[in-house]
Amino acid sequence: MSSRSLNKVIILGNLTRDPELKYTPNSTAVCTFGVATNRSWQTTDGQTKEETQYHRVIAWKKLAELSSKLLTKGRKIYLEGRITYRDYTDKNGQPRNITEIVMDDFIVFSDGSKSSTESISDKVTEHKEQETNIDKDGANASSDNNDVNPDDIPF
């Protein structure tokens, strides 16, 4: 009997920096940016506490290019993805690890103007149509990132 598992992350937060778009040596687009999420709660003695968590987000291929065009520092974003862990050795020979979210889909919240909302909606819809190409058998072709070698990542 096979067991099921799930690796899904949902984040609603603000971008901490503008997205950085790069290309691997194989010309695969990769975009990284940060998202901050906030949490507040009351202690037993009535004090309000706040905590901010910072998340490293990475997007691949067409989603990376779309992210670099639509996202800017300070914008609110809803994103879905999966969590990954990578280990590497830095320039000084010290072992390091990185936790990041590989983004699968996102919704960016507009600045309130109707025209920017329509523009963003149109671009995201266009992106989804491009990503849902149907192959010859009629099955949906997925944008699987397993063909990307971690050694090709330029950061």
N, C-alpha and C. Protein backbone atom coordinates (compact mmCIF):
# COMPACT_ATOMS: atom_id res chain seq x y z
N MET A 1 0.85 -1.17 0.00
CA MET A 1 0.00 0.00 0.00
C MET A 1 0.90 1.23 0.00
N SER A 2 0.64 2.15 -0.90
CA SER A 2 1.43 3.37 -0.93
C SER A 2 0.85 4.40 0.04
N SER A 3 1.73 5.14 0.63
CA SER A 3 1.26 6.18 1.54
C SER A 3 1.28 7.52 0.82
N ARG A 4 0.40 8.38 1.22
CA ARG A 4 0.32 9.70 0.61
C ARG A 4 1.12 10.68 1.43
N SER A 5 1.58 11.70 0.78
CA SER A 5 2.27 12.79 1.47
C SER A 5 1.95 14.09 0.75
N LEU A 6 2.19 15.17 1.43
CA LEU A 6 1.86 16.48 0.87
C LEU A 6 2.89 17.49 1.34
N ASN A 7 3.40 18.27 0.43
CA ASN A 7 4.32 19.36 0.73
C ASN A 7 3.72 20.60 0.09
N LYS A 8 2.95 21.35 0.85
CA LYS A 8 2.26 22.53 0.31
C LYS A 8 2.40 23.68 1.29
N VAL A 9 2.76 24.83 0.76
CA VAL A 9 2.92 26.04 1.56
C VAL A 9 2.00 27.10 0.97
N ILE A 10 1.30 27.81 1.84
CA ILE A 10 0.48 28.95 1.43
C ILE A 10 0.93 30.15 2.26
N ILE A 11 1.29 31.22 1.59
CA ILE A 11 1.79 32.42 2.25
C ILE A 11 0.98 33.62 1.78
N LEU A 12 0.64 34.49 2.71
CA LEU A 12 0.03 35.78 2.39
C LEU A 12 0.87 36.81 3.12
N GLY A 13 1.62 37.62 2.37
CA GLY A 13 2.51 38.58 3.00
C GLY A 13 2.92 39.67 2.05
N ASN A 14 3.97 40.41 2.43
CA ASN A 14 4.47 41.53 1.62
C ASN A 14 5.87 41.23 1.13
N LEU A 15 6.14 41.66 -0.10
CA LEU A 15 7.48 41.48 -0.65
C LEU A 15 8.47 42.36 0.09
N THR A 16 9.60 41.78 0.47
CA THR A 16 10.62 42.52 1.21
C THR A 16 11.64 43.17 0.28
N ARG A 17 11.67 42.74 -0.96
CA ARG A 17 12.60 43.32 -1.95
C ARG A 17 12.05 43.05 -3.35
N ASP A 18 12.57 43.79 -4.30
CA ASP A 18 12.18 43.55 -5.69
C ASP A 18 12.69 42.18 -6.13
N PRO A 19 11.94 41.49 -6.98
CA PRO A 19 12.39 40.19 -7.48
C PRO A 19 13.69 40.32 -8.29
N GLU A 20 14.50 39.30 -8.22
CA GLU A 20 15.77 39.26 -8.95
C GLU A 20 15.69 38.12 -9.96
N LEU A 21 15.67 38.47 -11.24
CA LEU A 21 15.55 37.48 -12.31
C LEU A 21 16.94 37.17 -12.86
N LYS A 22 17.26 35.88 -12.93
CA LYS A 22 18.52 35.41 -13.51
C LYS A 22 18.22 34.23 -14.41
N TYR A 23 19.23 33.80 -15.15
CA TYR A 23 19.08 32.65 -16.02
C TYR A 23 20.21 31.67 -15.74
N THR A 24 19.87 30.39 -15.73
CA THR A 24 20.88 29.35 -15.55
C THR A 24 21.69 29.25 -16.83
N PRO A 25 22.82 28.52 -16.81
CA PRO A 25 23.58 28.33 -18.05
C PRO A 25 22.76 27.65 -19.15
N ASN A 26 21.72 26.93 -18.79
CA ASN A 26 20.83 26.29 -19.77
C ASN A 26 19.70 27.21 -20.21
N SER A 27 19.76 28.50 -19.86
CA SER A 27 18.77 29.52 -20.21
C SER A 27 17.41 29.31 -19.55
N THR A 28 17.39 28.69 -18.38
CA THR A 28 16.16 28.55 -17.62
C THR A 28 16.02 29.76 -16.70
N ALA A 29 14.88 30.43 -16.76
CA ALA A 29 14.65 31.61 -15.92
C ALA A 29 14.43 31.18 -14.48
N VAL A 30 15.05 31.91 -13.55
CA VAL A 30 14.86 31.68 -12.12
C VAL A 30 14.77 33.04 -11.44
N CYS A 31 13.75 33.21 -10.62
CA CYS A 31 13.50 34.49 -9.96
C CYS A 31 13.42 34.26 -8.45
N THR A 32 14.12 35.09 -7.69
CA THR A 32 14.08 34.99 -6.23
C THR A 32 13.61 36.31 -5.64
N PHE A 33 12.90 36.20 -4.52
CA PHE A 33 12.48 37.38 -3.79
C PHE A 33 12.12 36.95 -2.38
N GLY A 34 11.92 37.92 -1.52
CA GLY A 34 11.57 37.64 -0.13
C GLY A 34 10.16 38.09 0.18
N VAL A 35 9.51 37.37 1.08
CA VAL A 35 8.17 37.72 1.55
C VAL A 35 8.19 37.70 3.07
N ALA A 36 7.58 38.71 3.67
CA ALA A 36 7.47 38.79 5.12
C ALA A 36 6.03 38.52 5.53
N THR A 37 5.87 37.71 6.57
CA THR A 37 4.55 37.48 7.16
C THR A 37 4.59 37.91 8.61
N ASN A 38 3.48 38.44 9.09
CA ASN A 38 3.39 38.94 10.46
C ASN A 38 2.38 38.14 11.26
N ARG A 39 2.64 38.06 12.55
CA ARG A 39 1.73 37.38 13.47
C ARG A 39 1.69 38.18 14.75
N SER A 40 0.50 38.36 15.30
CA SER A 40 0.40 39.04 16.59
C SER A 40 -0.50 38.23 17.51
N TRP A 41 -0.24 38.30 18.79
CA TRP A 41 -1.01 37.58 19.78
C TRP A 41 -0.93 38.30 21.11
N GLN A 42 -1.84 37.93 21.99
CA GLN A 42 -1.85 38.52 23.33
C GLN A 42 -1.33 37.51 24.33
N THR A 43 -0.46 37.96 25.21
CA THR A 43 0.06 37.11 26.26
C THR A 43 -0.97 37.00 27.38
N THR A 44 -0.69 36.13 28.34
CA THR A 44 -1.63 35.93 29.44
C THR A 44 -1.80 37.19 30.29
N ASP A 45 -0.77 38.06 30.30
CA ASP A 45 -0.88 39.30 31.08
C ASP A 45 -1.43 40.46 30.26
N GLY A 46 -1.93 40.19 29.04
CA GLY A 46 -2.61 41.20 28.25
C GLY A 46 -1.74 41.99 27.29
N GLN A 47 -0.44 41.71 27.25
CA GLN A 47 0.44 42.42 26.32
C GLN A 47 0.27 41.86 24.91
N THR A 48 0.33 42.76 23.93
CA THR A 48 0.29 42.34 22.54
C THR A 48 1.71 42.14 22.05
N LYS A 49 1.98 40.96 21.51
CA LYS A 49 3.30 40.62 20.95
C LYS A 49 3.17 40.50 19.44
N GLU A 50 4.24 40.84 18.74
CA GLU A 50 4.26 40.70 17.29
C GLU A 50 5.52 39.97 16.88
N GLU A 51 5.40 39.22 15.79
CA GLU A 51 6.52 38.47 15.26
C GLU A 51 6.47 38.54 13.73
N THR A 52 7.62 38.73 13.12
CA THR A 52 7.71 38.73 11.66
C THR A 52 8.60 37.59 11.22
N GLN A 53 8.14 36.83 10.23
CA GLN A 53 8.92 35.75 9.63
C GLN A 53 9.25 36.16 8.20
N TYR A 54 10.48 35.86 7.79
CA TYR A 54 10.93 36.17 6.44
C TYR A 54 11.12 34.88 5.67
N HIS A 55 10.59 34.86 4.45
CA HIS A 55 10.60 33.65 3.63
C HIS A 55 11.32 33.93 2.32
N ARG A 56 12.16 33.02 1.92
CA ARG A 56 12.86 33.10 0.64
C ARG A 56 12.01 32.33 -0.38
N VAL A 57 11.69 32.98 -1.49
CA VAL A 57 10.81 32.38 -2.50
C VAL A 57 11.57 32.31 -3.82
N ILE A 58 11.37 31.21 -4.53
CA ILE A 58 12.02 31.01 -5.83
C ILE A 58 10.95 30.57 -6.84
N ALA A 59 11.02 31.13 -8.03
CA ALA A 59 10.10 30.75 -9.12
C ALA A 59 10.94 30.37 -10.33
N TRP A 60 10.43 29.45 -11.13
CA TRP A 60 11.15 28.94 -12.29
C TRP A 60 10.40 29.21 -13.58
N LYS A 61 11.14 29.25 -14.65
CA LYS A 61 10.64 29.31 -16.03
C LYS A 61 9.71 30.51 -16.26
N LYS A 62 8.56 30.29 -16.88
CA LYS A 62 7.64 31.38 -17.21
C LYS A 62 7.12 32.09 -15.96
N LEU A 63 6.92 31.34 -14.90
CA LEU A 63 6.46 31.93 -13.64
C LEU A 63 7.52 32.90 -13.09
N ALA A 64 8.78 32.59 -13.30
CA ALA A 64 9.87 33.48 -12.88
C ALA A 64 9.83 34.78 -13.66
N GLU A 65 9.66 34.68 -14.96
CA GLU A 65 9.61 35.88 -15.80
C GLU A 65 8.38 36.73 -15.46
N LEU A 66 7.26 36.09 -15.24
CA LEU A 66 6.04 36.80 -14.88
C LEU A 66 6.20 37.49 -13.52
N SER A 67 6.80 36.80 -12.57
CA SER A 67 7.03 37.38 -11.24
C SER A 67 7.89 38.62 -11.31
N SER A 68 8.94 38.58 -12.13
CA SER A 68 9.84 39.72 -12.21
C SER A 68 9.15 40.94 -12.82
N LYS A 69 8.13 40.72 -13.65
CA LYS A 69 7.40 41.82 -14.27
C LYS A 69 6.32 42.40 -13.35
N LEU A 70 5.65 41.54 -12.58
CA LEU A 70 4.48 41.97 -11.82
C LEU A 70 4.76 42.38 -10.38
N LEU A 71 5.81 41.85 -9.79
CA LEU A 71 6.03 42.04 -8.36
C LEU A 71 7.03 43.15 -8.08
N THR A 72 6.76 43.91 -7.03
CA THR A 72 7.68 44.95 -6.56
C THR A 72 7.67 44.97 -5.04
N LYS A 73 8.73 45.50 -4.49
CA LYS A 73 8.89 45.58 -3.04
C LYS A 73 7.66 46.26 -2.41
N GLY A 74 7.16 45.67 -1.33
CA GLY A 74 6.04 46.24 -0.60
C GLY A 74 4.68 45.72 -1.02
N ARG A 75 4.56 45.14 -2.21
CA ARG A 75 3.27 44.63 -2.68
C ARG A 75 2.83 43.43 -1.85
N LYS A 76 1.55 43.30 -1.68
CA LYS A 76 0.99 42.14 -0.99
C LYS A 76 0.80 41.02 -2.00
N ILE A 77 1.17 39.80 -1.58
CA ILE A 77 1.11 38.64 -2.47
C ILE A 77 0.57 37.44 -1.71
N TYR A 78 -0.25 36.68 -2.41
CA TYR A 78 -0.69 35.36 -1.95
C TYR A 78 0.04 34.38 -2.84
N LEU A 79 0.72 33.40 -2.24
CA LEU A 79 1.42 32.43 -3.07
C LEU A 79 1.26 31.03 -2.52
N GLU A 80 1.33 30.08 -3.44
CA GLU A 80 1.30 28.67 -3.10
C GLU A 80 2.55 28.03 -3.68
N GLY A 81 3.06 27.04 -2.96
CA GLY A 81 4.25 26.35 -3.43
C GLY A 81 4.59 25.19 -2.53
N ARG A 82 5.86 24.81 -2.58
CA ARG A 82 6.35 23.71 -1.75
C ARG A 82 7.65 24.14 -1.10
N ILE A 83 7.93 23.59 0.06
CA ILE A 83 9.14 23.96 0.79
C ILE A 83 10.27 23.02 0.38
N THR A 84 11.46 23.60 0.21
CA THR A 84 12.64 22.79 -0.13
C THR A 84 13.80 23.21 0.77
N TYR A 85 14.75 22.30 0.91
CA TYR A 85 15.94 22.53 1.71
C TYR A 85 17.15 22.20 0.84
N ARG A 86 18.16 23.07 0.88
CA ARG A 86 19.39 22.83 0.13
C ARG A 86 20.58 23.03 1.06
N ASP A 87 21.61 22.24 0.88
CA ASP A 87 22.86 22.39 1.61
C ASP A 87 23.96 22.75 0.63
N TYR A 88 24.89 23.58 1.07
CA TYR A 88 26.04 23.93 0.25
C TYR A 88 27.19 24.35 1.17
N THR A 89 28.36 24.51 0.58
CA THR A 89 29.54 24.96 1.31
C THR A 89 29.89 26.35 0.81
N ASP A 90 30.02 27.32 1.73
CA ASP A 90 30.30 28.69 1.33
C ASP A 90 31.77 28.87 0.96
N LYS A 91 32.15 30.09 0.61
CA LYS A 91 33.51 30.40 0.15
C LYS A 91 34.57 30.08 1.20
N ASN A 92 34.18 30.15 2.47
CA ASN A 92 35.11 29.88 3.56
C ASN A 92 35.13 28.41 3.98
N GLY A 93 34.43 27.57 3.24
CA GLY A 93 34.40 26.15 3.56
C GLY A 93 33.41 25.76 4.64
N GLN A 94 32.56 26.70 5.04
CA GLN A 94 31.57 26.43 6.08
C GLN A 94 30.30 25.82 5.46
N PRO A 95 29.78 24.75 6.05
CA PRO A 95 28.52 24.20 5.53
C PRO A 95 27.36 25.13 5.86
N ARG A 96 26.49 25.34 4.89
CA ARG A 96 25.32 26.21 5.04
C ARG A 96 24.10 25.47 4.51
N ASN A 97 22.93 25.91 4.97
CA ASN A 97 21.70 25.35 4.42
C ASN A 97 20.73 26.49 4.14
N ILE A 98 19.87 26.24 3.17
CA ILE A 98 18.88 27.23 2.73
C ILE A 98 17.52 26.56 2.75
N THR A 99 16.55 27.24 3.31
CA THR A 99 15.16 26.82 3.24
C THR A 99 14.45 27.82 2.34
N GLU A 100 13.75 27.32 1.34
CA GLU A 100 13.05 28.21 0.42
C GLU A 100 11.74 27.60 -0.03
N ILE A 101 10.89 28.46 -0.52
CA ILE A 101 9.60 28.04 -1.05
C ILE A 101 9.68 28.11 -2.57
N VAL A 102 9.44 26.99 -3.23
CA VAL A 102 9.37 26.95 -4.69
C VAL A 102 7.93 27.27 -5.07
N MET A 103 7.75 28.42 -5.68
CA MET A 103 6.40 28.92 -5.97
C MET A 103 5.78 28.18 -7.15
N ASP A 104 4.51 27.79 -6.98
CA ASP A 104 3.74 27.15 -8.04
C ASP A 104 2.70 28.08 -8.65
N ASP A 105 2.18 29.01 -7.83
CA ASP A 105 1.14 29.92 -8.29
C ASP A 105 1.10 31.12 -7.36
N PHE A 106 0.60 32.25 -7.84
CA PHE A 106 0.51 33.43 -6.99
C PHE A 106 -0.59 34.36 -7.45
N ILE A 107 -1.02 35.19 -6.51
CA ILE A 107 -1.94 36.29 -6.79
C ILE A 107 -1.32 37.52 -6.17
N VAL A 108 -1.15 38.55 -6.96
CA VAL A 108 -0.61 39.80 -6.44
C VAL A 108 -1.77 40.76 -6.23
N PHE A 109 -1.76 41.43 -5.11
CA PHE A 109 -2.81 42.38 -4.80
C PHE A 109 -2.42 43.74 -5.34
N SER A 110 -3.38 44.42 -5.94
CA SER A 110 -3.09 45.69 -6.61
C SER A 110 -3.01 46.83 -5.62
N ASP A 111 -2.69 47.99 -6.15
CA ASP A 111 -2.59 49.20 -5.33
C ASP A 111 -3.95 49.88 -5.16
N GLY A 112 -5.01 49.25 -5.68
CA GLY A 112 -6.35 49.80 -5.51
C GLY A 112 -6.95 50.36 -6.78
N SER A 113 -6.14 50.66 -7.78
CA SER A 113 -6.69 51.20 -9.01
C SER A 113 -7.23 50.05 -9.86
N LYS A 114 -8.39 50.28 -10.46
CA LYS A 114 -9.05 49.23 -11.23
C LYS A 114 -8.22 48.80 -12.43
N SER A 115 -7.54 49.73 -13.09
CA SER A 115 -6.77 49.38 -14.28
C SER A 115 -5.61 48.45 -13.94
N SER A 116 -4.94 48.65 -12.81
CA SER A 116 -3.84 47.77 -12.47
C SER A 116 -4.35 46.39 -12.08
N THR A 117 -5.54 46.31 -11.49
CA THR A 117 -6.12 45.02 -11.14
C THR A 117 -6.43 44.23 -12.40
N GLU A 118 -7.03 44.89 -13.39
CA GLU A 118 -7.36 44.22 -14.64
C GLU A 118 -6.11 43.78 -15.37
N SER A 119 -5.09 44.62 -15.38
CA SER A 119 -3.84 44.29 -16.06
C SER A 119 -3.17 43.08 -15.45
N ILE A 120 -3.12 43.03 -14.13
CA ILE A 120 -2.50 41.90 -13.44
C ILE A 120 -3.32 40.65 -13.68
N SER A 121 -4.62 40.75 -13.60
CA SER A 121 -5.50 39.60 -13.82
C SER A 121 -5.31 39.04 -15.23
N ASP A 122 -5.22 39.92 -16.22
CA ASP A 122 -5.03 39.50 -17.60
C ASP A 122 -3.70 38.76 -17.77
N LYS A 123 -2.63 39.28 -17.16
CA LYS A 123 -1.31 38.65 -17.29
C LYS A 123 -1.26 37.30 -16.61
N VAL A 124 -1.88 37.18 -15.44
CA VAL A 124 -1.89 35.89 -14.73
C VAL A 124 -2.71 34.88 -15.51
N THR A 125 -3.86 35.30 -16.08
CA THR A 125 -4.69 34.41 -16.88
C THR A 125 -3.92 33.96 -18.11
N GLU A 126 -3.22 34.88 -18.76
CA GLU A 126 -2.42 34.53 -19.93
C GLU A 126 -1.33 33.52 -19.55
N HIS A 127 -0.70 33.71 -18.41
CA HIS A 127 0.34 32.79 -17.95
C HIS A 127 -0.24 31.40 -17.71
N LYS A 128 -1.40 31.33 -17.06
CA LYS A 128 -2.01 30.03 -16.76
C LYS A 128 -2.36 29.31 -18.06
N GLU A 129 -2.82 30.03 -19.08
CA GLU A 129 -3.15 29.41 -20.35
C GLU A 129 -1.89 28.85 -21.01
N GLN A 130 -0.78 29.55 -20.91
CA GLN A 130 0.48 29.06 -21.48
C GLN A 130 0.97 27.83 -20.75
N GLU A 131 0.82 27.79 -19.43
CA GLU A 131 1.31 26.67 -18.62
C GLU A 131 0.44 25.42 -18.76
N THR A 132 -0.81 25.56 -19.22
CA THR A 132 -1.71 24.42 -19.30
C THR A 132 -1.81 23.92 -20.74
N ASN A 133 -0.67 23.79 -21.39
CA ASN A 133 -0.66 23.25 -22.75
C ASN A 133 -1.08 21.79 -22.69
N ILE A 134 -1.81 21.36 -23.71
CA ILE A 134 -2.27 19.97 -23.73
C ILE A 134 -1.42 19.20 -24.72
N ASP A 135 -0.89 18.04 -24.24
CA ASP A 135 -0.04 17.25 -25.13
C ASP A 135 -0.90 16.37 -26.04
N LYS A 136 -0.26 15.57 -26.87
CA LYS A 136 -0.96 14.79 -27.89
C LYS A 136 -1.94 13.79 -27.30
N ASP A 137 -1.67 13.26 -26.11
CA ASP A 137 -2.56 12.28 -25.49
C ASP A 137 -3.75 12.93 -24.81
N GLY A 138 -3.79 14.26 -24.75
CA GLY A 138 -4.89 14.94 -24.10
C GLY A 138 -4.66 15.18 -22.62
N ALA A 139 -3.53 14.76 -22.11
CA ALA A 139 -3.22 14.99 -20.69
C ALA A 139 -2.56 16.33 -20.54
N ASN A 140 -2.75 16.95 -19.39
CA ASN A 140 -2.13 18.24 -19.14
C ASN A 140 -0.63 18.07 -18.98
N ALA A 141 0.12 18.90 -19.67
CA ALA A 141 1.58 18.89 -19.51
C ALA A 141 1.90 19.75 -18.31
N SER A 142 2.65 19.22 -17.38
CA SER A 142 2.97 19.99 -16.17
C SER A 142 4.31 20.69 -16.34
N SER A 143 4.49 21.78 -15.62
CA SER A 143 5.75 22.50 -15.64
C SER A 143 6.60 21.98 -14.50
N ASP A 144 7.09 20.76 -14.63
CA ASP A 144 7.85 20.09 -13.59
C ASP A 144 9.26 20.67 -13.54
N ASN A 145 9.73 20.99 -12.36
CA ASN A 145 11.05 21.59 -12.19
C ASN A 145 12.12 20.56 -11.92
N ASN A 146 11.80 19.26 -12.05
CA ASN A 146 12.77 18.23 -11.74
C ASN A 146 13.89 18.15 -12.75
N ASP A 147 13.73 18.76 -13.93
CA ASP A 147 14.79 18.73 -14.93
C ASP A 147 15.83 19.81 -14.71
N VAL A 148 15.71 20.59 -13.66
CA VAL A 148 16.66 21.65 -13.36
C VAL A 148 17.69 21.12 -12.38
N ASN A 149 18.95 21.23 -12.75
CA ASN A 149 20.04 20.79 -11.90
C ASN A 149 20.32 21.86 -10.86
N PRO A 150 20.33 21.52 -9.56
CA PRO A 150 20.61 22.54 -8.53
C PRO A 150 21.95 23.22 -8.71
N ASP A 151 22.90 22.56 -9.36
CA ASP A 151 24.21 23.18 -9.61
C ASP A 151 24.13 24.32 -10.61
N ASP A 152 23.04 24.37 -11.38
CA ASP A 152 22.86 25.43 -12.38
C ASP A 152 22.30 26.71 -11.77
N ILE A 153 21.89 26.68 -10.51
CA ILE A 153 21.31 27.85 -9.88
C ILE A 153 22.41 28.90 -9.68
N PRO A 154 22.20 30.11 -10.17
CA PRO A 154 23.28 31.11 -10.16
C PRO A 154 23.47 31.85 -8.84
N PHE A 155 22.99 31.34 -7.74
CA PHE A 155 23.19 32.03 -6.45
C PHE A 155 23.42 31.04 -5.37
